[in-house]
Amino acid sequence: MHRFLLAYDGSESARQAAVTATDMAKKYRAAVTVISVGEFGAAEEARADAERRARRLAEEGAAILQREGVAATTTVRLGDPASEILRAVIEEGYHLIITGHRGMTPSRIWVLGSVALKVINYASCPVLVVRGGGLTGS
């Protein structure tokens, strides 16, 4: 069975990636895990807040798939998003990473977000980058 990892941060691009993951999971009868990574500072409170936010986002991403009848599990990690996504692939043996092209950062200057770029460059499996916004490019 194919195993897909959907990187989800709540951005429009991530929501588009979830829709694509739904379609692909149906077509290839794949198991999908939604990963969300919480970033935090040194304070323990910040760590707990980051974990709660990441858990909420992972569940939000999984719900997109589940509404269309696709079973999805979730995983939450803390740390650098690109590093944790790559670590999950190595540890769990996913066959494909599906991610949005740009996350929640406010900068619109970059064509491809830094997390997506790092994942593309270092992943041990194929990466599908989904661009959000359809023909409008937003």
Protein backbone atom coordinates (compact mmCIF):
# COMPACT_ATOMS: atom_id res chain seq x y z
CA MET A 1 0.00 0.00 0.00
CA HIS A 2 1.22 3.50 -0.83
CA ARG A 3 1.81 5.85 2.08
CA PHE A 4 1.53 9.61 1.56
CA LEU A 5 2.60 12.34 3.97
CA LEU A 6 0.63 15.59 3.70
CA ALA A 7 2.46 18.58 5.21
CA TYR A 8 -0.25 20.90 6.52
CA ASP A 9 0.08 24.38 8.06
CA GLY A 10 -3.39 25.81 7.48
CA SER A 11 -2.39 28.06 4.58
CA GLU A 12 -4.43 28.25 1.39
CA SER A 13 -1.64 26.39 -0.36
CA ALA A 14 -1.81 23.63 2.25
CA ARG A 15 -5.59 23.38 1.83
CA GLN A 16 -5.09 22.94 -1.91
CA ALA A 17 -2.49 20.26 -1.16
CA ALA A 18 -5.05 18.49 1.06
CA VAL A 19 -7.56 18.45 -1.79
CA THR A 20 -4.91 17.02 -4.11
CA ALA A 21 -3.93 14.44 -1.48
CA THR A 22 -7.58 13.42 -1.24
CA ASP A 23 -7.82 12.85 -4.98
CA MET A 24 -4.53 10.96 -5.12
CA ALA A 25 -5.36 8.80 -2.10
CA LYS A 26 -8.60 7.72 -3.77
CA LYS A 27 -6.88 7.01 -7.09
CA TYR A 28 -3.96 5.06 -5.62
CA ARG A 29 -5.74 3.65 -2.54
CA ALA A 30 -3.06 5.23 -0.38
CA ALA A 31 -2.88 5.73 3.34
CA VAL A 32 -2.42 9.41 4.23
CA THR A 33 -0.83 10.88 7.31
CA VAL A 34 -1.20 14.61 7.93
CA ILE A 35 1.82 16.17 9.60
CA SER A 36 1.89 19.55 11.26
CA VAL A 37 5.04 20.93 12.85
CA GLY A 38 4.97 23.42 15.70
CA GLU A 39 7.76 25.95 15.96
CA PHE A 40 8.51 27.45 19.37
CA GLY A 41 11.02 29.43 21.39
CA ALA A 42 12.79 28.42 24.56
CA ALA A 43 9.89 28.82 27.00
CA GLU A 44 7.99 25.70 28.03
CA GLU A 45 4.68 27.57 27.60
CA ALA A 46 5.61 28.34 24.02
CA ARG A 47 6.33 24.66 23.44
CA ALA A 48 2.91 23.64 24.78
CA ASP A 49 1.17 26.33 22.70
CA ALA A 50 3.05 25.25 19.57
CA GLU A 51 2.04 21.64 20.15
CA ARG A 52 -1.64 22.55 20.65
CA ARG A 53 -1.66 24.68 17.50
CA ALA A 54 0.08 21.96 15.46
CA ARG A 55 -2.40 19.33 16.71
CA ARG A 56 -5.34 21.57 15.74
CA LEU A 57 -3.86 22.13 12.28
CA ALA A 58 -3.16 18.42 11.72
CA GLU A 59 -6.75 17.60 12.65
CA GLU A 60 -8.01 20.36 10.34
CA GLY A 61 -6.00 18.89 7.47
CA ALA A 62 -7.20 15.37 8.20
CA ALA A 63 -10.81 16.57 8.27
CA ILE A 64 -10.49 17.77 4.66
CA LEU A 65 -9.62 14.23 3.57
CA GLN A 66 -12.15 12.56 5.88
CA ARG A 67 -15.04 14.66 4.54
CA GLU A 68 -14.35 13.04 1.17
CA GLY A 69 -14.22 9.53 2.62
CA VAL A 70 -10.43 9.21 2.83
CA ALA A 71 -9.05 7.84 6.08
CA ALA A 72 -6.27 10.02 7.45
CA THR A 73 -4.10 9.81 10.52
CA THR A 74 -2.25 12.70 12.08
CA THR A 75 1.17 13.27 13.52
CA VAL A 76 2.51 16.30 15.31
CA ARG A 77 6.15 17.26 15.71
CA LEU A 78 7.96 20.20 17.20
CA GLY A 79 10.96 21.94 15.69
CA ASP A 80 12.05 23.10 12.27
CA PRO A 81 9.24 22.20 9.84
CA ALA A 82 11.42 21.04 6.94
CA SER A 83 13.68 18.96 9.20
CA GLU A 84 10.76 17.31 10.96
CA ILE A 85 8.96 16.50 7.70
CA LEU A 86 12.14 14.92 6.33
CA ARG A 87 12.72 13.02 9.58
CA ALA A 88 9.16 11.65 9.47
CA VAL A 89 9.72 10.34 5.94
CA ILE A 90 12.89 8.51 6.98
CA GLU A 91 11.42 7.12 10.21
CA GLU A 92 8.05 6.06 8.80
CA GLY A 93 8.86 5.18 5.19
CA TYR A 94 6.43 7.38 3.29
CA HIS A 95 6.37 7.04 -0.49
CA LEU A 96 5.34 10.61 -1.34
CA ILE A 97 5.30 14.00 0.35
CA ILE A 98 2.50 16.37 -0.65
CA THR A 99 2.95 19.99 0.34
CA GLY A 100 1.81 23.45 -0.55
CA HIS A 101 4.17 25.77 -2.36
CA ARG A 102 4.13 28.50 0.26
CA GLY A 103 3.10 28.49 3.89
CA MET A 104 1.76 30.97 6.36
CA THR A 105 4.62 33.48 6.15
CA PRO A 106 3.45 36.95 5.08
CA SER A 107 6.13 37.49 2.44
CA ARG A 108 4.83 37.15 -1.11
CA ILE A 109 8.29 37.74 -2.62
CA TRP A 110 9.39 34.12 -2.73
CA VAL A 111 7.99 31.96 -5.49
CA LEU A 112 8.55 28.80 -3.47
CA GLY A 113 8.50 28.77 0.32
CA SER A 114 11.63 27.90 2.23
CA VAL A 115 10.09 24.78 3.82
CA ALA A 116 8.95 23.41 0.45
CA LEU A 117 12.33 24.20 -1.08
CA LYS A 118 14.24 22.39 1.69
CA VAL A 119 11.91 19.40 1.45
CA ILE A 120 12.35 19.20 -2.32
CA ASN A 121 16.11 19.41 -2.05
CA TYR A 122 16.61 16.83 0.70
CA ALA A 123 13.70 14.37 0.57
CA SER A 124 14.43 10.70 0.10
CA CYS A 125 11.14 10.21 -1.78
CA PRO A 126 9.20 12.12 -4.45
CA VAL A 127 7.67 15.47 -3.46
CA LEU A 128 4.50 16.90 -4.97
CA VAL A 129 4.27 20.67 -4.52
CA VAL A 130 0.75 22.00 -4.97
CA ARG A 131 0.24 25.59 -5.92
CA GLY A 132 -2.80 27.23 -4.29
CA GLY A 133 -5.30 29.57 -5.83
CA GLY A 134 -5.89 27.96 -9.20
CA LEU A 135 -5.42 30.20 -12.23
CA THR A 136 -5.28 33.40 -10.21
CA GLY A 137 -1.98 32.35 -8.61
CA SER A 138 -3.01 33.58 -5.16
